[in-house]
């Protein structure tokens, strides 16, 4: 693994000027479904455009079925897909300052409350899966993906994020990860 990968910063992968242009979301408005990490949504649109650009990262939920980030980007290409989703949001509800707000304790609290997220996904899944509306059927795929990610994969990603919060960079292969 190269030093570049060890110290990769997803925010550094944003194109010049994009931070100011596309990311105006506020932490105070953050939807509870957002997975801990640098990217999240606050008051985002409910036009269901996010999955068109970032289908492995964006879902819809909350009181008004606004967009939220269910998987943090792990490559520059994935960051770019979130940038495009953010550009399409008329409310400028996407944000990328999560590192300033998430603490190790808050990440652990989110993880320990994941059953609430799973229950929420389980309520929407039958409705969207059986819908005649193609966008809802496609979003049901996202619900299944998020549920599977919570069951296997997210714990390791959150442990890596905890390491980043505590050490300032993502860990290499041989580094031990903090507990959730």
N, C-alpha and C. Protein backbone atom coordinates (compact mmCIF):
# COMPACT_ATOMS: atom_id res chain seq x y z
N UNK A 1 0.86 -1.18 0.00
CA UNK A 1 0.00 0.00 0.00
C UNK A 1 0.90 1.24 0.00
N UNK A 2 0.58 2.19 -0.84
CA UNK A 2 1.41 3.38 -0.95
C UNK A 2 1.09 4.38 0.15
N UNK A 3 2.04 5.30 0.39
CA UNK A 3 1.80 6.36 1.37
C UNK A 3 0.60 7.20 0.98
N UNK A 4 0.41 7.38 -0.35
CA UNK A 4 -0.73 8.16 -0.82
C UNK A 4 -2.04 7.55 -0.33
N UNK A 5 -2.17 6.22 -0.42
CA UNK A 5 -3.38 5.54 0.02
C UNK A 5 -3.52 5.59 1.54
N UNK A 6 -2.40 5.49 2.25
CA UNK A 6 -2.45 5.54 3.71
C UNK A 6 -2.97 6.89 4.21
N UNK A 7 -2.63 7.93 3.51
CA UNK A 7 -2.97 9.27 3.97
C UNK A 7 -4.03 9.93 3.08
N UNK A 8 -4.79 9.13 2.36
CA UNK A 8 -5.80 9.66 1.45
C UNK A 8 -6.85 10.44 2.23
N UNK A 9 -7.18 11.60 1.72
CA UNK A 9 -8.18 12.46 2.34
C UNK A 9 -9.30 12.66 1.33
N UNK A 10 -10.51 12.17 1.61
CA UNK A 10 -11.59 12.31 0.63
C UNK A 10 -11.92 13.76 0.30
N UNK A 11 -11.75 14.66 1.24
CA UNK A 11 -12.04 16.08 0.98
C UNK A 11 -11.03 16.66 -0.02
N UNK A 12 -9.79 16.18 0.04
CA UNK A 12 -8.77 16.64 -0.90
C UNK A 12 -9.10 16.20 -2.33
N UNK A 13 -9.96 15.20 -2.47
CA UNK A 13 -10.35 14.72 -3.80
C UNK A 13 -11.41 15.61 -4.45
N UNK A 14 -11.93 16.59 -3.71
CA UNK A 14 -12.92 17.50 -4.30
C UNK A 14 -12.24 18.38 -5.34
N UNK A 15 -12.89 18.58 -6.48
CA UNK A 15 -12.32 19.50 -7.48
C UNK A 15 -12.23 20.91 -6.91
N UNK A 16 -11.28 21.69 -7.41
CA UNK A 16 -11.10 23.08 -6.96
C UNK A 16 -12.41 23.85 -7.04
N UNK A 17 -12.72 24.56 -5.96
CA UNK A 17 -13.91 25.40 -5.90
C UNK A 17 -15.19 24.68 -5.58
N UNK A 18 -15.17 23.36 -5.56
CA UNK A 18 -16.39 22.58 -5.36
C UNK A 18 -16.90 22.66 -3.93
N UNK A 19 -15.99 22.81 -2.98
CA UNK A 19 -16.39 22.90 -1.58
C UNK A 19 -17.38 24.04 -1.38
N UNK A 20 -17.07 25.19 -1.91
CA UNK A 20 -17.92 26.36 -1.76
C UNK A 20 -19.13 26.29 -2.69
N UNK A 21 -18.96 25.70 -3.87
CA UNK A 21 -20.01 25.73 -4.89
C UNK A 21 -21.16 24.77 -4.61
N UNK A 22 -20.87 23.60 -4.10
CA UNK A 22 -21.90 22.56 -4.02
C UNK A 22 -22.26 22.07 -2.63
N UNK A 23 -21.48 22.45 -1.63
CA UNK A 23 -21.69 21.90 -0.30
C UNK A 23 -22.08 22.99 0.69
N UNK A 24 -23.38 23.17 0.88
CA UNK A 24 -23.87 24.20 1.78
C UNK A 24 -24.69 23.65 2.94
N UNK A 25 -24.71 22.31 3.08
CA UNK A 25 -25.50 21.70 4.15
C UNK A 25 -24.98 22.07 5.53
N UNK A 26 -25.87 21.99 6.49
CA UNK A 26 -25.51 22.35 7.87
C UNK A 26 -25.66 21.13 8.77
N UNK A 27 -24.70 20.97 9.67
CA UNK A 27 -24.72 19.86 10.62
C UNK A 27 -26.00 19.86 11.44
N UNK A 28 -26.47 21.01 11.81
CA UNK A 28 -27.68 21.11 12.63
C UNK A 28 -28.90 20.51 11.92
N UNK A 29 -28.86 20.44 10.59
CA UNK A 29 -29.97 19.89 9.81
C UNK A 29 -29.74 18.44 9.39
N UNK A 30 -28.63 17.85 9.82
CA UNK A 30 -28.23 16.51 9.37
C UNK A 30 -29.31 15.48 9.64
N UNK A 31 -29.63 14.70 8.61
CA UNK A 31 -30.57 13.60 8.75
C UNK A 31 -29.90 12.45 9.49
N UNK A 32 -30.56 11.89 10.47
CA UNK A 32 -29.99 10.86 11.34
C UNK A 32 -29.56 9.60 10.60
N UNK A 33 -30.06 9.39 9.40
CA UNK A 33 -29.71 8.20 8.63
C UNK A 33 -28.32 8.27 7.99
N UNK A 34 -27.75 9.45 7.87
CA UNK A 34 -26.42 9.59 7.28
C UNK A 34 -25.40 8.77 8.05
N UNK A 35 -24.60 7.99 7.31
CA UNK A 35 -23.54 7.20 7.91
C UNK A 35 -22.40 8.14 8.31
N UNK A 36 -21.79 7.93 9.47
CA UNK A 36 -20.69 8.80 9.89
C UNK A 36 -19.57 8.88 8.85
N UNK A 37 -19.07 10.07 8.68
CA UNK A 37 -17.98 10.33 7.75
C UNK A 37 -17.98 11.78 7.34
N UNK A 38 -17.09 12.16 6.45
CA UNK A 38 -16.99 13.56 6.07
C UNK A 38 -18.20 14.08 5.30
N UNK A 39 -18.87 13.22 4.54
CA UNK A 39 -20.01 13.66 3.72
C UNK A 39 -21.33 13.30 4.39
N UNK A 40 -22.28 14.21 4.29
CA UNK A 40 -23.63 13.98 4.83
C UNK A 40 -24.58 14.97 4.16
N UNK A 41 -25.86 14.81 4.43
CA UNK A 41 -26.83 15.78 3.95
C UNK A 41 -27.59 16.36 5.13
N UNK A 42 -27.99 17.60 4.94
CA UNK A 42 -28.88 18.26 5.87
C UNK A 42 -30.26 18.30 5.22
N UNK A 43 -30.72 19.48 4.92
CA UNK A 43 -32.01 19.66 4.25
C UNK A 43 -31.78 19.52 2.74
N UNK A 44 -31.83 18.28 2.25
CA UNK A 44 -31.60 18.01 0.83
C UNK A 44 -32.94 17.84 0.13
N UNK A 45 -32.88 17.87 -1.19
CA UNK A 45 -34.12 17.79 -1.96
C UNK A 45 -34.78 16.43 -1.84
N UNK A 46 -36.00 16.38 -2.28
CA UNK A 46 -36.75 15.12 -2.30
C UNK A 46 -37.17 14.79 -3.73
N UNK A 47 -36.35 15.22 -4.69
CA UNK A 47 -36.64 14.96 -6.11
C UNK A 47 -36.08 13.63 -6.58
N UNK A 48 -35.34 12.96 -5.71
CA UNK A 48 -34.79 11.64 -5.99
C UNK A 48 -33.81 11.67 -7.16
N UNK A 49 -32.91 12.63 -7.15
CA UNK A 49 -31.89 12.70 -8.19
C UNK A 49 -30.55 12.14 -7.72
N UNK A 50 -30.33 12.05 -6.43
CA UNK A 50 -29.02 11.64 -5.91
C UNK A 50 -28.57 10.27 -6.37
N UNK A 51 -29.48 9.31 -6.43
CA UNK A 51 -29.11 7.95 -6.84
C UNK A 51 -28.80 7.87 -8.33
N UNK A 52 -29.26 8.84 -9.10
CA UNK A 52 -28.92 8.86 -10.52
C UNK A 52 -27.41 9.03 -10.70
N UNK A 53 -26.78 9.73 -9.79
CA UNK A 53 -25.37 10.07 -9.89
C UNK A 53 -24.48 9.29 -8.92
N UNK A 54 -25.03 8.91 -7.79
CA UNK A 54 -24.24 8.20 -6.76
C UNK A 54 -25.08 7.06 -6.17
N UNK A 55 -25.42 6.07 -6.99
CA UNK A 55 -26.32 5.02 -6.51
C UNK A 55 -25.77 4.16 -5.38
N UNK A 56 -24.46 4.09 -5.22
CA UNK A 56 -23.88 3.29 -4.13
C UNK A 56 -23.58 4.14 -2.90
N UNK A 57 -24.10 5.38 -2.90
CA UNK A 57 -23.80 6.29 -1.80
C UNK A 57 -25.01 7.05 -1.27
N UNK A 58 -26.03 7.21 -2.07
CA UNK A 58 -27.16 8.07 -1.71
C UNK A 58 -28.45 7.27 -1.67
N UNK A 59 -29.26 7.56 -0.66
CA UNK A 59 -30.61 7.01 -0.52
C UNK A 59 -31.56 8.12 -0.13
N UNK A 60 -32.82 7.76 0.03
CA UNK A 60 -33.86 8.73 0.36
C UNK A 60 -34.54 8.32 1.66
N UNK A 61 -34.81 9.31 2.52
CA UNK A 61 -35.45 8.97 3.77
C UNK A 61 -35.79 10.19 4.59
N UNK A 62 -36.28 9.93 5.78
CA UNK A 62 -36.69 11.00 6.67
C UNK A 62 -38.12 11.42 6.39
N UNK A 63 -38.54 12.43 7.08
CA UNK A 63 -39.93 12.89 7.00
C UNK A 63 -40.36 13.25 5.58
N UNK A 64 -39.46 13.85 4.80
CA UNK A 64 -39.80 14.31 3.45
C UNK A 64 -39.10 13.51 2.36
N UNK A 65 -38.53 12.36 2.72
CA UNK A 65 -37.79 11.50 1.79
C UNK A 65 -36.70 12.26 1.05
N UNK A 66 -35.97 13.06 1.81
CA UNK A 66 -34.81 13.76 1.26
C UNK A 66 -33.64 12.82 1.10
N UNK A 67 -32.59 13.29 0.46
CA UNK A 67 -31.41 12.47 0.21
C UNK A 67 -30.52 12.40 1.44
N UNK A 68 -29.80 11.27 1.57
CA UNK A 68 -28.79 11.13 2.62
C UNK A 68 -27.68 10.21 2.12
N UNK A 69 -26.53 10.31 2.76
CA UNK A 69 -25.35 9.53 2.37
C UNK A 69 -25.32 8.27 3.23
N UNK A 70 -25.46 7.11 2.57
CA UNK A 70 -25.44 5.85 3.32
C UNK A 70 -24.12 5.10 3.21
N UNK A 71 -23.24 5.56 2.32
CA UNK A 71 -21.92 4.95 2.19
C UNK A 71 -20.95 6.08 1.84
N UNK A 72 -19.90 6.21 2.63
CA UNK A 72 -18.89 7.25 2.38
C UNK A 72 -18.02 6.85 1.18
N UNK A 73 -17.58 7.82 0.40
CA UNK A 73 -16.73 7.49 -0.75
C UNK A 73 -15.35 7.01 -0.30
N UNK A 74 -14.80 6.07 -1.07
CA UNK A 74 -13.48 5.52 -0.75
C UNK A 74 -12.46 5.79 -1.85
N UNK A 75 -12.90 6.42 -2.94
CA UNK A 75 -11.99 6.74 -4.05
C UNK A 75 -12.34 8.13 -4.57
N UNK A 76 -11.44 8.70 -5.35
CA UNK A 76 -11.70 10.01 -5.96
C UNK A 76 -12.90 9.94 -6.91
N UNK A 77 -13.08 8.83 -7.61
CA UNK A 77 -14.22 8.66 -8.51
C UNK A 77 -15.53 8.68 -7.72
N UNK A 78 -15.54 8.03 -6.56
CA UNK A 78 -16.74 8.03 -5.72
C UNK A 78 -17.02 9.42 -5.16
N UNK A 79 -15.96 10.15 -4.79
CA UNK A 79 -16.14 11.54 -4.34
C UNK A 79 -16.80 12.34 -5.45
N UNK A 80 -16.32 12.16 -6.67
CA UNK A 80 -16.88 12.91 -7.81
C UNK A 80 -18.36 12.58 -8.01
N UNK A 81 -18.75 11.33 -7.80
CA UNK A 81 -20.17 10.99 -7.95
C UNK A 81 -21.02 11.72 -6.91
N UNK A 82 -20.49 11.87 -5.69
CA UNK A 82 -21.21 12.65 -4.67
C UNK A 82 -21.24 14.13 -5.01
N UNK A 83 -20.18 14.63 -5.62
CA UNK A 83 -20.16 16.04 -6.05
C UNK A 83 -21.29 16.28 -7.05
N UNK A 84 -21.45 15.39 -8.00
CA UNK A 84 -22.51 15.56 -9.00
C UNK A 84 -23.88 15.49 -8.33
N UNK A 85 -24.06 14.56 -7.39
CA UNK A 85 -25.34 14.50 -6.66
C UNK A 85 -25.57 15.81 -5.91
N UNK A 86 -24.53 16.35 -5.29
CA UNK A 86 -24.65 17.62 -4.56
C UNK A 86 -24.98 18.76 -5.51
N UNK A 87 -24.39 18.77 -6.69
CA UNK A 87 -24.66 19.83 -7.66
C UNK A 87 -26.11 19.83 -8.11
N UNK A 88 -26.74 18.66 -8.11
CA UNK A 88 -28.13 18.54 -8.55
C UNK A 88 -29.13 18.90 -7.45
N UNK A 89 -28.66 19.07 -6.25
CA UNK A 89 -29.56 19.37 -5.12
C UNK A 89 -29.86 20.87 -5.08
N UNK A 90 -31.10 21.27 -5.37
CA UNK A 90 -31.43 22.70 -5.39
C UNK A 90 -31.36 23.37 -4.03
N UNK A 91 -31.36 22.59 -2.95
CA UNK A 91 -31.31 23.16 -1.60
C UNK A 91 -29.88 23.30 -1.08
N UNK A 92 -28.89 22.85 -1.86
CA UNK A 92 -27.49 22.83 -1.40
C UNK A 92 -27.37 22.17 -0.03
N UNK A 93 -28.05 21.04 0.12
CA UNK A 93 -28.12 20.37 1.41
C UNK A 93 -27.00 19.39 1.69
N UNK A 94 -26.14 19.15 0.72
CA UNK A 94 -25.00 18.25 0.96
C UNK A 94 -23.92 19.02 1.71
N UNK A 95 -23.16 18.29 2.52
CA UNK A 95 -22.06 18.91 3.27
C UNK A 95 -20.88 17.95 3.28
N UNK A 96 -19.71 18.51 3.51
CA UNK A 96 -18.49 17.68 3.56
C UNK A 96 -17.60 18.07 4.73
N UNK A 97 -18.22 18.59 5.79
CA UNK A 97 -17.46 18.98 6.98
C UNK A 97 -17.71 18.05 8.16
N UNK A 98 -18.12 16.82 7.87
CA UNK A 98 -18.42 15.87 8.93
C UNK A 98 -17.26 15.60 9.88
N UNK A 99 -16.02 15.69 9.36
CA UNK A 99 -14.86 15.46 10.22
C UNK A 99 -14.77 16.48 11.34
N UNK A 100 -15.36 17.64 11.13
CA UNK A 100 -15.35 18.68 12.16
C UNK A 100 -16.40 18.42 13.24
N UNK A 101 -17.35 17.55 12.95
CA UNK A 101 -18.46 17.32 13.87
C UNK A 101 -18.47 15.94 14.51
N UNK A 102 -18.14 14.91 13.71
CA UNK A 102 -18.15 13.57 14.26
C UNK A 102 -17.01 13.42 15.27
N UNK A 103 -17.32 12.81 16.38
CA UNK A 103 -16.32 12.45 17.38
C UNK A 103 -16.32 10.93 17.48
N UNK A 104 -15.27 10.34 18.02
CA UNK A 104 -15.31 8.89 18.21
C UNK A 104 -16.54 8.43 18.99
N UNK A 105 -16.91 9.17 20.02
CA UNK A 105 -18.09 8.80 20.80
C UNK A 105 -19.37 8.87 19.97
N UNK A 106 -19.50 9.87 19.13
CA UNK A 106 -20.70 10.02 18.29
C UNK A 106 -20.76 8.92 17.24
N UNK A 107 -19.62 8.53 16.69
CA UNK A 107 -19.59 7.44 15.71
C UNK A 107 -20.02 6.15 16.39
N UNK A 108 -19.49 5.89 17.57
CA UNK A 108 -19.87 4.67 18.31
C UNK A 108 -21.36 4.70 18.67
N UNK A 109 -21.86 5.85 19.04
CA UNK A 109 -23.29 5.97 19.36
C UNK A 109 -24.15 5.66 18.13
N UNK A 110 -23.76 6.21 16.96
CA UNK A 110 -24.51 5.92 15.73
C UNK A 110 -24.50 4.41 15.48
N UNK A 111 -23.34 3.78 15.61
CA UNK A 111 -23.24 2.35 15.36
C UNK A 111 -24.11 1.55 16.34
N UNK A 112 -24.09 1.93 17.60
CA UNK A 112 -24.88 1.20 18.59
C UNK A 112 -26.38 1.39 18.38
N UNK A 113 -26.77 2.42 17.65
CA UNK A 113 -28.18 2.70 17.36
C UNK A 113 -28.57 2.23 15.96
N UNK A 114 -27.73 1.39 15.34
CA UNK A 114 -27.98 0.97 13.96
C UNK A 114 -29.27 0.15 13.82
N UNK A 115 -29.73 -0.47 14.89
CA UNK A 115 -30.99 -1.22 14.80
C UNK A 115 -32.14 -0.30 14.40
N UNK A 116 -32.10 0.93 14.85
CA UNK A 116 -33.11 1.92 14.46
C UNK A 116 -33.07 2.15 12.96
N UNK A 117 -31.88 2.23 12.39
CA UNK A 117 -31.72 2.41 10.95
C UNK A 117 -32.26 1.18 10.22
N UNK A 118 -31.88 -0.01 10.69
CA UNK A 118 -32.34 -1.25 10.06
C UNK A 118 -33.87 -1.36 10.10
N UNK A 119 -34.46 -0.98 11.21
CA UNK A 119 -35.93 -1.01 11.30
C UNK A 119 -36.56 -0.04 10.30
N UNK A 120 -35.97 1.12 10.16
CA UNK A 120 -36.47 2.11 9.22
C UNK A 120 -36.40 1.57 7.79
N UNK A 121 -35.27 0.96 7.44
CA UNK A 121 -35.11 0.39 6.10
C UNK A 121 -36.12 -0.73 5.87
N UNK A 122 -36.35 -1.55 6.89
CA UNK A 122 -37.28 -2.67 6.78
C UNK A 122 -38.71 -2.21 6.55
N UNK A 123 -39.07 -1.05 7.05
CA UNK A 123 -40.42 -0.51 6.84
C UNK A 123 -40.60 -0.07 5.39
N UNK A 124 -39.58 0.60 4.84
CA UNK A 124 -39.69 1.11 3.46
C UNK A 124 -39.55 0.02 2.40
N UNK A 125 -38.77 -1.00 2.68
CA UNK A 125 -38.44 -1.99 1.66
C UNK A 125 -39.66 -2.67 1.03
N UNK A 126 -40.62 -3.18 1.77
CA UNK A 126 -41.76 -3.84 1.12
C UNK A 126 -42.57 -2.87 0.24
N UNK A 127 -42.73 -1.64 0.73
CA UNK A 127 -43.50 -0.65 -0.03
C UNK A 127 -42.81 -0.33 -1.36
N UNK A 128 -41.51 -0.04 -1.30
CA UNK A 128 -40.79 0.34 -2.51
C UNK A 128 -40.56 -0.86 -3.44
N UNK A 129 -40.36 -2.03 -2.88
CA UNK A 129 -40.13 -3.22 -3.69
C UNK A 129 -41.35 -3.60 -4.51
N UNK A 130 -42.53 -3.40 -3.95
CA UNK A 130 -43.76 -3.78 -4.64
C UNK A 130 -44.38 -2.64 -5.44
N UNK A 131 -43.74 -1.51 -5.48
CA UNK A 131 -44.26 -0.34 -6.19
C UNK A 131 -44.22 -0.54 -7.70
N UNK A 132 -45.13 0.13 -8.38
CA UNK A 132 -45.13 0.16 -9.84
C UNK A 132 -44.25 1.30 -10.37
N UNK A 133 -43.74 2.10 -9.47
CA UNK A 133 -42.93 3.26 -9.85
C UNK A 133 -41.47 2.82 -9.96
N UNK A 134 -40.87 2.93 -11.14
CA UNK A 134 -39.48 2.48 -11.32
C UNK A 134 -38.49 3.10 -10.34
N UNK A 135 -38.63 4.37 -10.03
CA UNK A 135 -37.70 5.02 -9.10
C UNK A 135 -37.78 4.39 -7.71
N UNK A 136 -38.96 4.00 -7.27
CA UNK A 136 -39.10 3.35 -5.97
C UNK A 136 -38.51 1.94 -6.00
N UNK A 137 -38.70 1.23 -7.11
CA UNK A 137 -38.11 -0.10 -7.23
C UNK A 137 -36.58 -0.01 -7.21
N UNK A 138 -36.04 0.99 -7.89
CA UNK A 138 -34.59 1.18 -7.89
C UNK A 138 -34.10 1.57 -6.51
N UNK A 139 -34.84 2.43 -5.82
CA UNK A 139 -34.45 2.83 -4.46
C UNK A 139 -34.51 1.64 -3.51
N UNK A 140 -35.41 0.69 -3.77
CA UNK A 140 -35.47 -0.53 -2.95
C UNK A 140 -34.15 -1.30 -3.06
N UNK A 141 -33.52 -1.26 -4.24
CA UNK A 141 -32.19 -1.88 -4.39
C UNK A 141 -31.20 -1.21 -3.45
N UNK A 142 -31.29 0.11 -3.35
CA UNK A 142 -30.43 0.85 -2.43
C UNK A 142 -30.69 0.47 -0.98
N UNK A 143 -31.95 0.29 -0.62
CA UNK A 143 -32.29 -0.13 0.74
C UNK A 143 -31.67 -1.48 1.06
N UNK A 144 -31.76 -2.40 0.09
CA UNK A 144 -31.15 -3.73 0.29
C UNK A 144 -29.63 -3.61 0.43
N UNK A 145 -29.03 -2.75 -0.41
CA UNK A 145 -27.59 -2.55 -0.35
C UNK A 145 -27.17 -1.97 1.01
N UNK A 146 -27.90 -0.96 1.48
CA UNK A 146 -27.57 -0.34 2.76
C UNK A 146 -27.72 -1.36 3.89
N UNK A 147 -28.79 -2.13 3.86
CA UNK A 147 -29.01 -3.14 4.89
C UNK A 147 -27.87 -4.17 4.90
N UNK A 148 -27.47 -4.62 3.72
CA UNK A 148 -26.36 -5.58 3.62
C UNK A 148 -25.06 -4.94 4.09
N UNK A 149 -24.86 -3.68 3.77
CA UNK A 149 -23.65 -2.97 4.17
C UNK A 149 -23.58 -2.84 5.70
N UNK A 150 -24.71 -2.57 6.33
CA UNK A 150 -24.73 -2.49 7.80
C UNK A 150 -24.37 -3.86 8.39
N UNK A 151 -24.89 -4.92 7.77
CA UNK A 151 -24.64 -6.27 8.27
C UNK A 151 -23.21 -6.75 8.05
N UNK A 152 -22.59 -6.29 6.97
CA UNK A 152 -21.21 -6.71 6.71
C UNK A 152 -20.50 -5.63 5.89
N UNK A 153 -19.50 -5.05 6.48
CA UNK A 153 -18.70 -4.04 5.78
C UNK A 153 -18.66 -2.71 6.48
N UNK A 154 -19.78 -2.23 6.95
CA UNK A 154 -19.83 -0.91 7.57
C UNK A 154 -19.01 -0.87 8.86
N UNK A 155 -19.04 -1.91 9.64
CA UNK A 155 -18.30 -1.90 10.91
C UNK A 155 -16.81 -1.65 10.67
N UNK A 156 -16.23 -2.31 9.68
CA UNK A 156 -14.81 -2.10 9.38
C UNK A 156 -14.58 -0.68 8.89
N UNK A 157 -15.47 -0.19 8.01
CA UNK A 157 -15.32 1.18 7.51
C UNK A 157 -15.42 2.20 8.65
N UNK A 158 -16.33 1.97 9.59
CA UNK A 158 -16.44 2.90 10.73
C UNK A 158 -15.23 2.80 11.65
N UNK A 159 -14.68 1.63 11.80
CA UNK A 159 -13.45 1.49 12.60
C UNK A 159 -12.29 2.22 11.93
N UNK A 160 -12.23 2.16 10.61
CA UNK A 160 -11.19 2.90 9.87
C UNK A 160 -11.43 4.41 10.03
N UNK A 161 -12.70 4.82 10.00
CA UNK A 161 -13.02 6.24 10.18
C UNK A 161 -12.65 6.70 11.59
N UNK A 162 -12.91 5.86 12.59
CA UNK A 162 -12.49 6.18 13.96
C UNK A 162 -10.98 6.39 14.02
N UNK A 163 -10.24 5.52 13.36
CA UNK A 163 -8.78 5.67 13.31
C UNK A 163 -8.43 7.03 12.70
N UNK A 164 -9.11 7.36 11.62
CA UNK A 164 -8.83 8.65 10.95
C UNK A 164 -9.13 9.82 11.86
N UNK A 165 -10.25 9.75 12.58
CA UNK A 165 -10.59 10.84 13.50
C UNK A 165 -9.55 10.98 14.61
N UNK A 166 -9.05 9.84 15.08
CA UNK A 166 -8.09 9.87 16.19
C UNK A 166 -6.66 10.16 15.75
N UNK A 167 -6.28 9.69 14.55
CA UNK A 167 -4.89 9.79 14.11
C UNK A 167 -4.67 10.81 13.00
N UNK A 168 -5.74 11.20 12.30
CA UNK A 168 -5.61 12.19 11.23
C UNK A 168 -5.40 11.62 9.85
N UNK A 169 -5.40 10.31 9.70
CA UNK A 169 -5.25 9.67 8.40
C UNK A 169 -5.86 8.27 8.47
N UNK A 170 -6.17 7.72 7.29
CA UNK A 170 -6.70 6.37 7.27
C UNK A 170 -5.58 5.36 7.53
N UNK A 171 -5.89 4.25 8.19
CA UNK A 171 -4.86 3.29 8.56
C UNK A 171 -4.37 2.45 7.38
N UNK A 172 -3.16 1.98 7.50
CA UNK A 172 -2.63 1.01 6.53
C UNK A 172 -3.15 -0.38 6.87
N UNK A 173 -2.78 -1.33 6.07
CA UNK A 173 -3.26 -2.70 6.24
C UNK A 173 -2.87 -3.29 7.59
N UNK A 174 -1.67 -3.03 8.04
CA UNK A 174 -1.17 -3.67 9.26
C UNK A 174 -1.55 -2.95 10.55
N UNK A 175 -2.24 -1.85 10.47
CA UNK A 175 -2.61 -1.09 11.67
C UNK A 175 -3.80 -1.74 12.37
N UNK A 176 -3.78 -1.74 13.70
CA UNK A 176 -4.94 -2.25 14.41
C UNK A 176 -5.97 -1.13 14.50
N UNK A 177 -7.21 -1.53 14.41
CA UNK A 177 -8.30 -0.56 14.38
C UNK A 177 -8.96 -0.42 15.74
N UNK A 178 -9.46 0.76 16.06
CA UNK A 178 -10.16 0.93 17.33
C UNK A 178 -11.47 0.15 17.34
N UNK A 179 -11.94 -0.16 18.51
CA UNK A 179 -13.22 -0.86 18.66
C UNK A 179 -14.38 0.10 18.48
N UNK A 180 -15.48 -0.46 18.01
CA UNK A 180 -16.73 0.29 17.95
C UNK A 180 -17.41 0.10 19.28
